[in-house]
mmCIF file of all heavy atoms, coordinates in Angstrom:
data_MODEL
# 
_entry.id   MODEL 
# 
loop_
_atom_site.group_PDB 
_atom_site.id 
_atom_site.type_symbol 
_atom_site.label_atom_id 
_atom_site.label_alt_id 
_atom_site.label_comp_id 
_atom_site.label_asym_id 
_atom_site.label_entity_id 
_atom_site.label_seq_id 
_atom_site.pdbx_PDB_ins_code 
_atom_site.Cartn_x 
_atom_site.Cartn_y 
_atom_site.Cartn_z 
_atom_site.occupancy 
_atom_site.B_iso_or_equiv 
_atom_site.pdbx_formal_charge 
_atom_site.auth_seq_id 
_atom_site.auth_comp_id 
_atom_site.auth_asym_id 
_atom_site.auth_atom_id 
_atom_site.pdbx_PDB_model_num 
ATOM 1   N N   . ASP A 1 1  ? 12.968  7.489   -15.289 1.00 0.00 ? 1  ASP A N   1 
ATOM 2   C CA  . ASP A 1 1  ? 11.789  7.237   -14.841 1.00 0.00 ? 1  ASP A CA  1 
ATOM 3   C C   . ASP A 1 1  ? 10.745  6.861   -15.931 1.00 0.00 ? 1  ASP A C   1 
ATOM 4   O O   . ASP A 1 1  ? 10.006  5.972   -15.969 1.00 0.00 ? 1  ASP A O   1 
ATOM 5   C CB  . ASP A 1 1  ? 11.121  8.399   -14.043 1.00 0.00 ? 1  ASP A CB  1 
ATOM 6   C CG  . ASP A 1 1  ? 11.821  8.508   -12.727 1.00 0.00 ? 1  ASP A CG  1 
ATOM 7   O OD1 . ASP A 1 1  ? 12.363  7.449   -12.134 1.00 0.00 ? 1  ASP A OD1 1 
ATOM 8   O OD2 . ASP A 1 1  ? 11.709  9.542   -12.045 1.00 0.00 ? 1  ASP A OD2 1 
ATOM 9   N N   . ALA A 1 2  ? 10.935  7.551   -17.065 1.00 0.00 ? 2  ALA A N   1 
ATOM 10  C CA  . ALA A 1 2  ? 9.923   7.446   -18.317 1.00 0.00 ? 2  ALA A CA  1 
ATOM 11  C C   . ALA A 1 2  ? 10.329  5.993   -18.937 1.00 0.00 ? 2  ALA A C   1 
ATOM 12  O O   . ALA A 1 2  ? 9.376   5.357   -19.268 1.00 0.00 ? 2  ALA A O   1 
ATOM 13  C CB  . ALA A 1 2  ? 10.101  8.506   -19.161 1.00 0.00 ? 2  ALA A CB  1 
ATOM 14  N N   . VAL A 1 3  ? 11.546  5.704   -19.012 1.00 0.00 ? 3  VAL A N   1 
ATOM 15  C CA  . VAL A 1 3  ? 11.947  4.443   -19.531 1.00 0.00 ? 3  VAL A CA  1 
ATOM 16  C C   . VAL A 1 3  ? 11.546  3.302   -18.696 1.00 0.00 ? 3  VAL A C   1 
ATOM 17  O O   . VAL A 1 3  ? 11.013  2.257   -19.139 1.00 0.00 ? 3  VAL A O   1 
ATOM 18  C CB  . VAL A 1 3  ? 13.501  4.418   -19.793 1.00 0.00 ? 3  VAL A CB  1 
ATOM 19  C CG1 . VAL A 1 3  ? 13.947  2.952   -20.207 1.00 0.00 ? 3  VAL A CG1 1 
ATOM 20  C CG2 . VAL A 1 3  ? 14.005  5.383   -20.873 1.00 0.00 ? 3  VAL A CG2 1 
ATOM 21  N N   . MET A 1 4  ? 11.766  3.401   -17.344 1.00 0.00 ? 4  MET A N   1 
ATOM 22  C CA  . MET A 1 4  ? 11.340  2.411   -16.355 1.00 0.00 ? 4  MET A CA  1 
ATOM 23  C C   . MET A 1 4  ? 9.837   2.197   -16.448 1.00 0.00 ? 4  MET A C   1 
ATOM 24  O O   . MET A 1 4  ? 9.351   1.024   -16.315 1.00 0.00 ? 4  MET A O   1 
ATOM 25  C CB  . MET A 1 4  ? 11.846  2.752   -14.968 1.00 0.00 ? 4  MET A CB  1 
ATOM 26  C CG  . MET A 1 4  ? 13.457  2.729   -14.801 1.00 0.00 ? 4  MET A CG  1 
ATOM 27  S SD  . MET A 1 4  ? 13.913  3.269   -13.260 1.00 0.00 ? 4  MET A SD  1 
ATOM 28  C CE  . MET A 1 4  ? 13.639  1.796   -12.275 1.00 0.00 ? 4  MET A CE  1 
ATOM 29  N N   . LEU A 1 5  ? 9.113   3.218   -16.661 1.00 0.00 ? 5  LEU A N   1 
ATOM 30  C CA  . LEU A 1 5  ? 7.723   3.067   -16.701 1.00 0.00 ? 5  LEU A CA  1 
ATOM 31  C C   . LEU A 1 5  ? 7.214   2.126   -17.827 1.00 0.00 ? 5  LEU A C   1 
ATOM 32  O O   . LEU A 1 5  ? 6.339   1.284   -17.743 1.00 0.00 ? 5  LEU A O   1 
ATOM 33  C CB  . LEU A 1 5  ? 7.015   4.498   -16.897 1.00 0.00 ? 5  LEU A CB  1 
ATOM 34  C CG  . LEU A 1 5  ? 5.399   4.432   -16.891 1.00 0.00 ? 5  LEU A CG  1 
ATOM 35  C CD1 . LEU A 1 5  ? 4.757   3.908   -15.605 1.00 0.00 ? 5  LEU A CD1 1 
ATOM 36  C CD2 . LEU A 1 5  ? 4.988   5.886   -17.216 1.00 0.00 ? 5  LEU A CD2 1 
ATOM 37  N N   . GLN A 1 6  ? 7.813   2.457   -18.939 1.00 0.00 ? 6  GLN A N   1 
ATOM 38  C CA  . GLN A 1 6  ? 7.598   1.582   -20.166 1.00 0.00 ? 6  GLN A CA  1 
ATOM 39  C C   . GLN A 1 6  ? 7.983   0.195   -20.047 1.00 0.00 ? 6  GLN A C   1 
ATOM 40  O O   . GLN A 1 6  ? 7.175   -0.822  -20.346 1.00 0.00 ? 6  GLN A O   1 
ATOM 41  C CB  . GLN A 1 6  ? 8.121   2.191   -21.479 1.00 0.00 ? 6  GLN A CB  1 
ATOM 42  C CG  . GLN A 1 6  ? 7.583   3.593   -21.856 1.00 0.00 ? 6  GLN A CG  1 
ATOM 43  C CD  . GLN A 1 6  ? 6.136   3.636   -22.103 1.00 0.00 ? 6  GLN A CD  1 
ATOM 44  O OE1 . GLN A 1 6  ? 5.577   2.632   -22.649 1.00 0.00 ? 6  GLN A OE1 1 
ATOM 45  N NE2 . GLN A 1 6  ? 5.619   4.638   -21.856 1.00 0.00 ? 6  GLN A NE2 1 
ATOM 46  N N   . LEU A 1 7  ? 9.179   -0.027  -19.453 1.00 0.00 ? 7  LEU A N   1 
ATOM 47  C CA  . LEU A 1 7  ? 9.590   -1.344  -19.139 1.00 0.00 ? 7  LEU A CA  1 
ATOM 48  C C   . LEU A 1 7  ? 8.746   -2.211  -18.115 1.00 0.00 ? 7  LEU A C   1 
ATOM 49  O O   . LEU A 1 7  ? 8.548   -3.409  -18.333 1.00 0.00 ? 7  LEU A O   1 
ATOM 50  C CB  . LEU A 1 7  ? 11.070  -1.323  -18.729 1.00 0.00 ? 7  LEU A CB  1 
ATOM 51  C CG  . LEU A 1 7  ? 12.096  -0.836  -19.848 1.00 0.00 ? 7  LEU A CG  1 
ATOM 52  C CD1 . LEU A 1 7  ? 13.468  -0.799  -19.107 1.00 0.00 ? 7  LEU A CD1 1 
ATOM 53  C CD2 . LEU A 1 7  ? 12.074  -1.619  -20.985 1.00 0.00 ? 7  LEU A CD2 1 
ATOM 54  N N   . THR A 1 8  ? 8.379   -1.406  -17.129 1.00 0.00 ? 8  THR A N   1 
ATOM 55  C CA  . THR A 1 8  ? 7.518   -2.073  -16.127 1.00 0.00 ? 8  THR A CA  1 
ATOM 56  C C   . THR A 1 8  ? 6.226   -2.400  -16.739 1.00 0.00 ? 8  THR A C   1 
ATOM 57  O O   . THR A 1 8  ? 5.601   -3.485  -16.453 1.00 0.00 ? 8  THR A O   1 
ATOM 58  C CB  . THR A 1 8  ? 7.262   -1.053  -14.912 1.00 0.00 ? 8  THR A CB  1 
ATOM 59  O OG1 . THR A 1 8  ? 8.544   -0.719  -14.342 1.00 0.00 ? 8  THR A OG1 1 
ATOM 60  C CG2 . THR A 1 8  ? 6.438   -1.780  -13.876 1.00 0.00 ? 8  THR A CG2 1 
ATOM 61  N N   . ARG A 1 9  ? 5.569   -1.570  -17.504 1.00 0.00 ? 9  ARG A N   1 
ATOM 62  C CA  . ARG A 1 9  ? 4.361   -1.806  -18.152 1.00 0.00 ? 9  ARG A CA  1 
ATOM 63  C C   . ARG A 1 9  ? 4.527   -3.072  -19.257 1.00 0.00 ? 9  ARG A C   1 
ATOM 64  O O   . ARG A 1 9  ? 3.610   -3.931  -19.218 1.00 0.00 ? 9  ARG A O   1 
ATOM 65  C CB  . ARG A 1 9  ? 3.815   -0.754  -18.999 1.00 0.00 ? 9  ARG A CB  1 
ATOM 66  C CG  . ARG A 1 9  ? 3.315   0.426   -18.140 1.00 0.00 ? 9  ARG A CG  1 
ATOM 67  C CD  . ARG A 1 9  ? 2.898   1.589   -18.989 1.00 0.00 ? 9  ARG A CD  1 
ATOM 68  N NE  . ARG A 1 9  ? 2.231   2.752   -18.035 1.00 0.00 ? 9  ARG A NE  1 
ATOM 69  C CZ  . ARG A 1 9  ? 1.948   3.873   -18.486 1.00 0.00 ? 9  ARG A CZ  1 
ATOM 70  N NH1 . ARG A 1 9  ? 2.162   4.191   -19.776 1.00 0.00 ? 9  ARG A NH1 1 
ATOM 71  N NH2 . ARG A 1 9  ? 1.322   4.704   -17.609 1.00 0.00 ? 9  ARG A NH2 1 
ATOM 72  N N   . ALA A 1 10 ? 5.693   -3.183  -19.859 1.00 0.00 ? 10 ALA A N   1 
ATOM 73  C CA  . ALA A 1 10 ? 5.873   -4.232  -20.826 1.00 0.00 ? 10 ALA A CA  1 
ATOM 74  C C   . ALA A 1 10 ? 5.988   -5.510  -19.998 1.00 0.00 ? 10 ALA A C   1 
ATOM 75  O O   . ALA A 1 10 ? 5.391   -6.495  -20.289 1.00 0.00 ? 10 ALA A O   1 
ATOM 76  C CB  . ALA A 1 10 ? 7.180   -4.059  -21.527 1.00 0.00 ? 10 ALA A CB  1 
ATOM 77  N N   . ARG A 1 11 ? 6.731   -5.560  -18.896 1.00 0.00 ? 11 ARG A N   1 
ATOM 78  C CA  . ARG A 1 11 ? 6.740   -6.692  -18.075 1.00 0.00 ? 11 ARG A CA  1 
ATOM 79  C C   . ARG A 1 11 ? 5.488   -7.195  -17.416 1.00 0.00 ? 11 ARG A C   1 
ATOM 80  O O   . ARG A 1 11 ? 5.179   -8.380  -17.450 1.00 0.00 ? 11 ARG A O   1 
ATOM 81  C CB  . ARG A 1 11 ? 7.875   -6.505  -16.925 1.00 0.00 ? 11 ARG A CB  1 
ATOM 82  C CG  . ARG A 1 11 ? 8.053   -7.754  -16.126 1.00 0.00 ? 11 ARG A CG  1 
ATOM 83  C CD  . ARG A 1 11 ? 9.202   -7.578  -15.122 1.00 0.00 ? 11 ARG A CD  1 
ATOM 84  N NE  . ARG A 1 11 ? 8.881   -6.468  -14.135 1.00 0.00 ? 11 ARG A NE  1 
ATOM 85  C CZ  . ARG A 1 11 ? 9.700   -6.032  -13.205 1.00 0.00 ? 11 ARG A CZ  1 
ATOM 86  N NH1 . ARG A 1 11 ? 11.005  -6.483  -13.111 1.00 0.00 ? 11 ARG A NH1 1 
ATOM 87  N NH2 . ARG A 1 11 ? 9.329   -5.104  -12.409 1.00 0.00 ? 11 ARG A NH2 1 
ATOM 88  N N   . ASN A 1 12 ? 4.758   -6.182  -16.972 1.00 0.00 ? 12 ASN A N   1 
ATOM 89  C CA  . ASN A 1 12 ? 3.435   -6.517  -16.426 1.00 0.00 ? 12 ASN A CA  1 
ATOM 90  C C   . ASN A 1 12 ? 2.566   -7.112  -17.418 1.00 0.00 ? 12 ASN A C   1 
ATOM 91  O O   . ASN A 1 12 ? 1.619   -7.966  -16.974 1.00 0.00 ? 12 ASN A O   1 
ATOM 92  C CB  . ASN A 1 12 ? 2.860   -5.243  -15.818 1.00 0.00 ? 12 ASN A CB  1 
ATOM 93  C CG  . ASN A 1 12 ? 3.559   -4.810  -14.510 1.00 0.00 ? 12 ASN A CG  1 
ATOM 94  O OD1 . ASN A 1 12 ? 4.279   -5.532  -13.963 1.00 0.00 ? 12 ASN A OD1 1 
ATOM 95  N ND2 . ASN A 1 12 ? 3.253   -3.573  -14.045 1.00 0.00 ? 12 ASN A ND2 1 
ATOM 96  N N   . ARG A 1 13 ? 2.555   -6.700  -18.668 1.00 0.00 ? 13 ARG A N   1 
ATOM 97  C CA  . ARG A 1 13 ? 1.649   -7.287  -19.586 1.00 0.00 ? 13 ARG A CA  1 
ATOM 98  C C   . ARG A 1 13 ? 1.922   -8.784  -19.759 1.00 0.00 ? 13 ARG A C   1 
ATOM 99  O O   . ARG A 1 13 ? 0.998   -9.501  -20.040 1.00 0.00 ? 13 ARG A O   1 
ATOM 100 C CB  . ARG A 1 13 ? 1.794   -6.612  -20.991 1.00 0.00 ? 13 ARG A CB  1 
ATOM 101 C CG  . ARG A 1 13 ? 1.173   -5.214  -20.939 1.00 0.00 ? 13 ARG A CG  1 
ATOM 102 C CD  . ARG A 1 13 ? -0.372  -5.161  -20.666 1.00 0.00 ? 13 ARG A CD  1 
ATOM 103 N NE  . ARG A 1 13 ? -1.113  -5.737  -21.814 1.00 0.00 ? 13 ARG A NE  1 
ATOM 104 C CZ  . ARG A 1 13 ? -2.034  -6.647  -21.716 1.00 0.00 ? 13 ARG A CZ  1 
ATOM 105 N NH1 . ARG A 1 13 ? -2.289  -7.303  -20.479 1.00 0.00 ? 13 ARG A NH1 1 
ATOM 106 N NH2 . ARG A 1 13 ? -2.775  -7.051  -22.697 1.00 0.00 ? 13 ARG A NH2 1 
ATOM 107 N N   . LEU A 1 14 ? 3.237   -9.277  -19.678 1.00 0.00 ? 14 LEU A N   1 
ATOM 108 C CA  . LEU A 1 14 ? 3.579   -10.683 -19.794 1.00 0.00 ? 14 LEU A CA  1 
ATOM 109 C C   . LEU A 1 14 ? 3.273   -11.435 -18.478 1.00 0.00 ? 14 LEU A C   1 
ATOM 110 O O   . LEU A 1 14 ? 3.101   -12.670 -18.525 1.00 0.00 ? 14 LEU A O   1 
ATOM 111 C CB  . LEU A 1 14 ? 4.940   -10.825 -20.205 1.00 0.00 ? 14 LEU A CB  1 
ATOM 112 C CG  . LEU A 1 14 ? 5.338   -10.116 -21.565 1.00 0.00 ? 14 LEU A CG  1 
ATOM 113 C CD1 . LEU A 1 14 ? 6.704   -10.480 -21.948 1.00 0.00 ? 14 LEU A CD1 1 
ATOM 114 C CD2 . LEU A 1 14 ? 4.384   -10.740 -22.654 1.00 0.00 ? 14 LEU A CD2 1 
ATOM 115 N N   . THR A 1 15 ? 3.417   -10.767 -17.466 1.00 0.00 ? 15 THR A N   1 
ATOM 116 C CA  . THR A 1 15 ? 3.208   -11.482 -16.056 1.00 0.00 ? 15 THR A CA  1 
ATOM 117 C C   . THR A 1 15 ? 1.877   -11.410 -15.490 1.00 0.00 ? 15 THR A C   1 
ATOM 118 O O   . THR A 1 15 ? 1.494   -12.159 -14.646 1.00 0.00 ? 15 THR A O   1 
ATOM 119 C CB  . THR A 1 15 ? 4.198   -10.868 -15.037 1.00 0.00 ? 15 THR A CB  1 
ATOM 120 O OG1 . THR A 1 15 ? 3.917   -9.472  -14.875 1.00 0.00 ? 15 THR A OG1 1 
ATOM 121 C CG2 . THR A 1 15 ? 5.668   -10.936 -15.514 1.00 0.00 ? 15 THR A CG2 1 
ATOM 122 N N   . THR A 1 16 ? 1.001   -10.549 -16.043 1.00 0.00 ? 16 THR A N   1 
ATOM 123 C CA  . THR A 1 16 ? -0.391  -10.297 -15.541 1.00 0.00 ? 16 THR A CA  1 
ATOM 124 C C   . THR A 1 16 ? -1.375  -10.427 -16.519 1.00 0.00 ? 16 THR A C   1 
ATOM 125 O O   . THR A 1 16 ? -1.674  -9.456  -17.248 1.00 0.00 ? 16 THR A O   1 
ATOM 126 C CB  . THR A 1 16 ? -0.446  -8.996  -14.773 1.00 0.00 ? 16 THR A CB  1 
ATOM 127 O OG1 . THR A 1 16 ? 0.627   -8.815  -13.925 1.00 0.00 ? 16 THR A OG1 1 
ATOM 128 C CG2 . THR A 1 16 ? -1.757  -8.940  -13.919 1.00 0.00 ? 16 THR A CG2 1 
ATOM 129 N N   . PRO A 1 17 ? -1.881  -11.592 -16.816 1.00 0.00 ? 17 PRO A N   1 
ATOM 130 C CA  . PRO A 1 17 ? -3.090  -11.835 -17.924 1.00 0.00 ? 17 PRO A CA  1 
ATOM 131 C C   . PRO A 1 17 ? -4.219  -11.078 -17.562 1.00 0.00 ? 17 PRO A C   1 
ATOM 132 O O   . PRO A 1 17 ? -4.489  -10.738 -16.384 1.00 0.00 ? 17 PRO A O   1 
ATOM 133 C CB  . PRO A 1 17 ? -3.354  -13.297 -17.851 1.00 0.00 ? 17 PRO A CB  1 
ATOM 134 C CG  . PRO A 1 17 ? -2.143  -13.953 -17.207 1.00 0.00 ? 17 PRO A CG  1 
ATOM 135 C CD  . PRO A 1 17 ? -1.646  -12.898 -16.146 1.00 0.00 ? 17 PRO A CD  1 
ATOM 136 N N   . ALA A 1 18 ? -4.942  -10.561 -18.513 1.00 0.00 ? 18 ALA A N   1 
ATOM 137 C CA  . ALA A 1 18 ? -6.260  -9.826  -18.260 1.00 0.00 ? 18 ALA A CA  1 
ATOM 138 C C   . ALA A 1 18 ? -7.196  -10.721 -17.788 1.00 0.00 ? 18 ALA A C   1 
ATOM 139 O O   . ALA A 1 18 ? -7.477  -11.912 -18.137 1.00 0.00 ? 18 ALA A O   1 
ATOM 140 C CB  . ALA A 1 18 ? -6.637  -9.136  -19.630 1.00 0.00 ? 18 ALA A CB  1 
ATOM 141 N N   . SER A 1 19 ? -8.007  -10.072 -16.700 1.00 0.00 ? 19 SER A N   1 
ATOM 142 C CA  . SER A 1 19 ? -9.224  -10.763 -16.210 1.00 0.00 ? 19 SER A CA  1 
ATOM 143 C C   . SER A 1 19 ? -10.417 -10.585 -17.145 1.00 0.00 ? 19 SER A C   1 
ATOM 144 O O   . SER A 1 19 ? -10.550 -9.628  -17.720 1.00 0.00 ? 19 SER A O   1 
ATOM 145 C CB  . SER A 1 19 ? -9.623  -10.242 -14.803 1.00 0.00 ? 19 SER A CB  1 
ATOM 146 O OG  . SER A 1 19 ? -8.539  -10.386 -13.929 1.00 0.00 ? 19 SER A OG  1 
ATOM 147 N N   . MET A 1 20 ? -11.222 -11.771 -17.208 1.00 0.00 ? 20 MET A N   1 
ATOM 148 C CA  . MET A 1 20 ? -12.333 -11.688 -18.075 1.00 0.00 ? 20 MET A CA  1 
ATOM 149 C C   . MET A 1 20 ? -13.425 -12.394 -17.403 1.00 0.00 ? 20 MET A C   1 
ATOM 150 O O   . MET A 1 20 ? -13.318 -13.276 -16.595 1.00 0.00 ? 20 MET A O   1 
ATOM 151 C CB  . MET A 1 20 ? -12.110 -12.347 -19.484 1.00 0.00 ? 20 MET A CB  1 
ATOM 152 C CG  . MET A 1 20 ? -11.157 -11.710 -20.305 1.00 0.00 ? 20 MET A CG  1 
ATOM 153 S SD  . MET A 1 20 ? -10.946 -12.622 -21.904 1.00 0.00 ? 20 MET A SD  1 
ATOM 154 C CE  . MET A 1 20 ? -12.510 -12.163 -22.697 1.00 0.00 ? 20 MET A CE  1 
ATOM 155 N N   . THR A 1 21 ? -14.792 -11.913 -17.568 1.00 0.00 ? 21 THR A N   1 
ATOM 156 C CA  . THR A 1 21 ? -15.853 -12.559 -17.106 1.00 0.00 ? 21 THR A CA  1 
ATOM 157 C C   . THR A 1 21 ? -16.213 -13.789 -18.022 1.00 0.00 ? 21 THR A C   1 
ATOM 158 O O   . THR A 1 21 ? -15.779 -13.813 -19.181 1.00 0.00 ? 21 THR A O   1 
ATOM 159 C CB  . THR A 1 21 ? -17.146 -11.683 -16.977 1.00 0.00 ? 21 THR A CB  1 
ATOM 160 O OG1 . THR A 1 21 ? -17.553 -11.231 -18.310 1.00 0.00 ? 21 THR A OG1 1 
ATOM 161 C CG2 . THR A 1 21 ? -16.777 -10.414 -16.231 1.00 0.00 ? 21 THR A CG2 1 
ATOM 162 N N   . LEU A 1 22 ? -17.076 -14.796 -17.570 1.00 0.00 ? 22 LEU A N   1 
ATOM 163 C CA  . LEU A 1 22 ? -17.300 -15.881 -18.334 1.00 0.00 ? 22 LEU A CA  1 
ATOM 164 C C   . LEU A 1 22 ? -18.256 -15.514 -19.520 1.00 0.00 ? 22 LEU A C   1 
ATOM 165 O O   . LEU A 1 22 ? -18.017 -15.900 -20.601 1.00 0.00 ? 22 LEU A O   1 
ATOM 166 C CB  . LEU A 1 22 ? -18.119 -16.917 -17.429 1.00 0.00 ? 22 LEU A CB  1 
ATOM 167 C CG  . LEU A 1 22 ? -17.133 -17.656 -16.504 1.00 0.00 ? 22 LEU A CG  1 
ATOM 168 C CD1 . LEU A 1 22 ? -17.819 -18.449 -15.383 1.00 0.00 ? 22 LEU A CD1 1 
ATOM 169 C CD2 . LEU A 1 22 ? -16.162 -18.553 -17.307 1.00 0.00 ? 22 LEU A CD2 1 
ATOM 170 N N   . PRO A 1 23 ? -19.288 -14.519 -19.388 1.00 0.00 ? 23 PRO A N   1 
ATOM 171 C CA  . PRO A 1 23 ? -19.923 -14.025 -20.545 1.00 0.00 ? 23 PRO A CA  1 
ATOM 172 C C   . PRO A 1 23 ? -19.001 -13.375 -21.579 1.00 0.00 ? 23 PRO A C   1 
ATOM 173 O O   . PRO A 1 23 ? -19.299 -13.523 -22.789 1.00 0.00 ? 23 PRO A O   1 
ATOM 174 C CB  . PRO A 1 23 ? -20.937 -13.054 -20.032 1.00 0.00 ? 23 PRO A CB  1 
ATOM 175 C CG  . PRO A 1 23 ? -21.216 -13.481 -18.534 1.00 0.00 ? 23 PRO A CG  1 
ATOM 176 C CD  . PRO A 1 23 ? -19.875 -13.958 -18.115 1.00 0.00 ? 23 PRO A CD  1 
ATOM 177 N N   . GLU A 1 24 ? -18.028 -12.666 -21.203 1.00 0.00 ? 24 GLU A N   1 
ATOM 178 C CA  . GLU A 1 24 ? -17.031 -12.098 -22.146 1.00 0.00 ? 24 GLU A CA  1 
ATOM 179 C C   . GLU A 1 24 ? -16.389 -13.118 -22.869 1.00 0.00 ? 24 GLU A C   1 
ATOM 180 O O   . GLU A 1 24 ? -16.147 -13.093 -24.050 1.00 0.00 ? 24 GLU A O   1 
ATOM 181 C CB  . GLU A 1 24 ? -16.043 -11.201 -21.423 1.00 0.00 ? 24 GLU A CB  1 
ATOM 182 C CG  . GLU A 1 24 ? -16.653 -9.868  -20.837 1.00 0.00 ? 24 GLU A CG  1 
ATOM 183 C CD  . GLU A 1 24 ? -15.648 -9.083  -19.921 1.00 0.00 ? 24 GLU A CD  1 
ATOM 184 O OE1 . GLU A 1 24 ? -14.722 -9.674  -19.507 1.00 0.00 ? 24 GLU A OE1 1 
ATOM 185 O OE2 . GLU A 1 24 ? -15.928 -7.892  -19.783 1.00 0.00 ? 24 GLU A OE2 1 
# 
């Protein structure tokens, strides 16, 4: 479970770009 959590987070960082506001 601990390993899968890290792998899921790693994959999510590449598949889900961060949202930003236009002023940001």
